[in-house]
Amino acid sequence: MYYTNVGQQTPYGPRVIVVTGNGKVMAKASSVQLQVEVSTQAKNVQVAQQENAMIMNRVIQSILALHIPNEHIQTAGYNIAPHYEFENNKQVFKGYEVTKCHYH
């Protein structure tokens, strides 16, 4: 008996499994971390600091009004930097920028 296909392998295409699914998990959060940043600019560094403190105090009071304990609020960063802008291809001093960041 003569078989013409003996010793030859039949090529198979690539073996692929495609799986598609959707899932949804719902759970009550046990904690939330929020970072709030206030940035102010003024010609005078003291004015920029005062405005920044006034705004950040209002933000903190709003957070406290949500019954978030004060001990859960902490300063994460405080920065004072000169503020420049370019005018006619020249760097011009415009004042200071004060940035304060809190974690809640």
Protein backbone atom coordinates (compact mmCIF):
# COMPACT_ATOMS: atom_id res chain seq x y z
CA MET A 1 0.00 0.00 0.00
CA TYR A 2 1.34 3.43 -0.87
CA TYR A 3 0.44 6.56 1.14
CA THR A 4 1.45 9.91 -0.33
CA ASN A 5 1.14 11.89 2.93
CA VAL A 6 3.24 9.66 5.17
CA GLY A 7 6.10 11.58 6.72
CA GLN A 8 4.61 14.96 5.85
CA GLN A 9 3.14 17.09 8.56
CA THR A 10 0.05 19.06 7.89
CA PRO A 11 0.71 22.72 8.81
CA TYR A 12 -1.74 24.16 11.29
CA GLY A 13 -2.45 27.84 11.72
CA PRO A 14 -1.52 29.59 14.96
CA ARG A 15 -3.45 28.41 17.96
CA VAL A 16 -5.09 31.40 19.58
CA ILE A 17 -7.59 31.68 22.39
CA VAL A 18 -9.38 35.00 22.72
CA VAL A 19 -11.15 35.74 25.97
CA THR A 20 -13.15 38.88 26.66
CA GLY A 21 -14.76 39.72 29.96
CA ASN A 22 -16.01 42.52 32.14
CA GLY A 23 -15.95 42.80 35.88
CA LYS A 24 -17.14 45.22 38.48
CA VAL A 25 -16.16 45.43 42.11
CA MET A 26 -17.94 47.72 44.52
CA ALA A 27 -16.66 48.37 48.01
CA LYS A 28 -16.90 51.08 50.60
CA ALA A 29 -13.64 53.04 50.85
CA SER A 30 -11.87 52.76 54.17
CA SER A 31 -9.72 55.83 53.58
CA VAL A 32 -9.08 58.58 51.08
CA GLN A 33 -5.97 60.67 50.61
CA LEU A 34 -6.40 64.13 49.16
CA GLN A 35 -3.68 66.63 48.31
CA VAL A 36 -4.68 70.29 48.18
CA GLU A 37 -2.32 72.94 46.86
CA VAL A 38 -2.70 76.71 46.99
CA SER A 39 -0.45 78.90 44.88
CA THR A 40 -0.37 82.71 45.09
CA GLN A 41 1.67 85.39 43.34
CA ALA A 42 2.49 88.93 44.41
CA LYS A 43 5.25 91.51 43.92
CA ASN A 44 6.05 91.39 47.65
CA VAL A 45 6.89 88.04 49.27
CA GLN A 46 5.05 88.92 52.52
CA VAL A 47 1.87 89.75 50.59
CA ALA A 48 2.09 86.45 48.70
CA GLN A 49 2.57 84.57 51.99
CA GLN A 50 -0.36 86.33 53.68
CA GLU A 51 -2.72 85.72 50.75
CA ASN A 52 -1.64 82.08 50.57
CA ALA A 53 -2.21 81.55 54.31
CA MET A 54 -5.64 83.22 54.15
CA ILE A 55 -6.78 81.03 51.24
CA MET A 56 -5.34 77.81 52.69
CA ASN A 57 -7.02 78.54 56.05
CA ARG A 58 -10.38 78.82 54.27
CA VAL A 59 -9.72 75.50 52.51
CA ILE A 60 -8.82 73.83 55.81
CA GLN A 61 -11.93 75.25 57.50
CA SER A 62 -14.04 73.76 54.69
CA ILE A 63 -12.40 70.38 55.22
CA LEU A 64 -12.92 70.57 58.98
CA ALA A 65 -16.59 71.37 58.32
CA LEU A 66 -16.82 67.94 56.67
CA HIS A 67 -15.92 66.42 60.07
CA ILE A 68 -12.36 65.53 59.04
CA PRO A 69 -10.28 65.61 62.25
CA ASN A 70 -7.60 68.30 62.39
CA GLU A 71 -4.96 65.70 63.26
CA HIS A 72 -5.56 64.11 59.83
CA ILE A 73 -4.46 67.30 58.06
CA GLN A 74 -0.75 67.93 57.62
CA THR A 75 1.48 70.21 55.61
CA ALA A 76 3.24 68.31 52.83
CA GLY A 77 5.17 71.15 51.28
CA TYR A 78 5.83 74.87 51.35
CA ASN A 79 7.75 76.72 48.66
CA ILE A 80 8.66 80.32 47.90
CA ALA A 81 10.16 81.05 44.49
CA PRO A 82 10.78 84.13 42.36
CA HIS A 83 8.34 84.49 39.47
CA TYR A 84 9.65 85.57 36.08
CA GLU A 85 8.05 86.10 32.68
CA PHE A 86 9.65 86.68 29.30
CA GLU A 87 8.94 90.00 27.60
CA ASN A 88 10.66 90.91 24.34
CA ASN A 89 13.01 87.94 24.78
CA LYS A 90 14.11 89.19 28.21
CA GLN A 91 13.46 87.61 31.57
CA VAL A 92 11.53 90.09 33.73
CA PHE A 93 11.03 89.69 37.49
CA LYS A 94 7.32 89.79 38.30
CA GLY A 95 7.35 89.00 42.02
CA TYR A 96 7.11 85.84 44.09
CA GLU A 97 5.07 82.67 44.00
CA VAL A 98 4.17 80.96 47.27
CA THR A 99 2.89 77.38 47.13
CA LYS A 100 1.61 75.43 50.12
CA CYS A 101 0.45 71.83 49.93
CA HIS A 102 -1.57 69.81 52.47
CA TYR A 103 -2.45 66.13 52.67
CA HIS A 104 -5.80 65.07 54.08
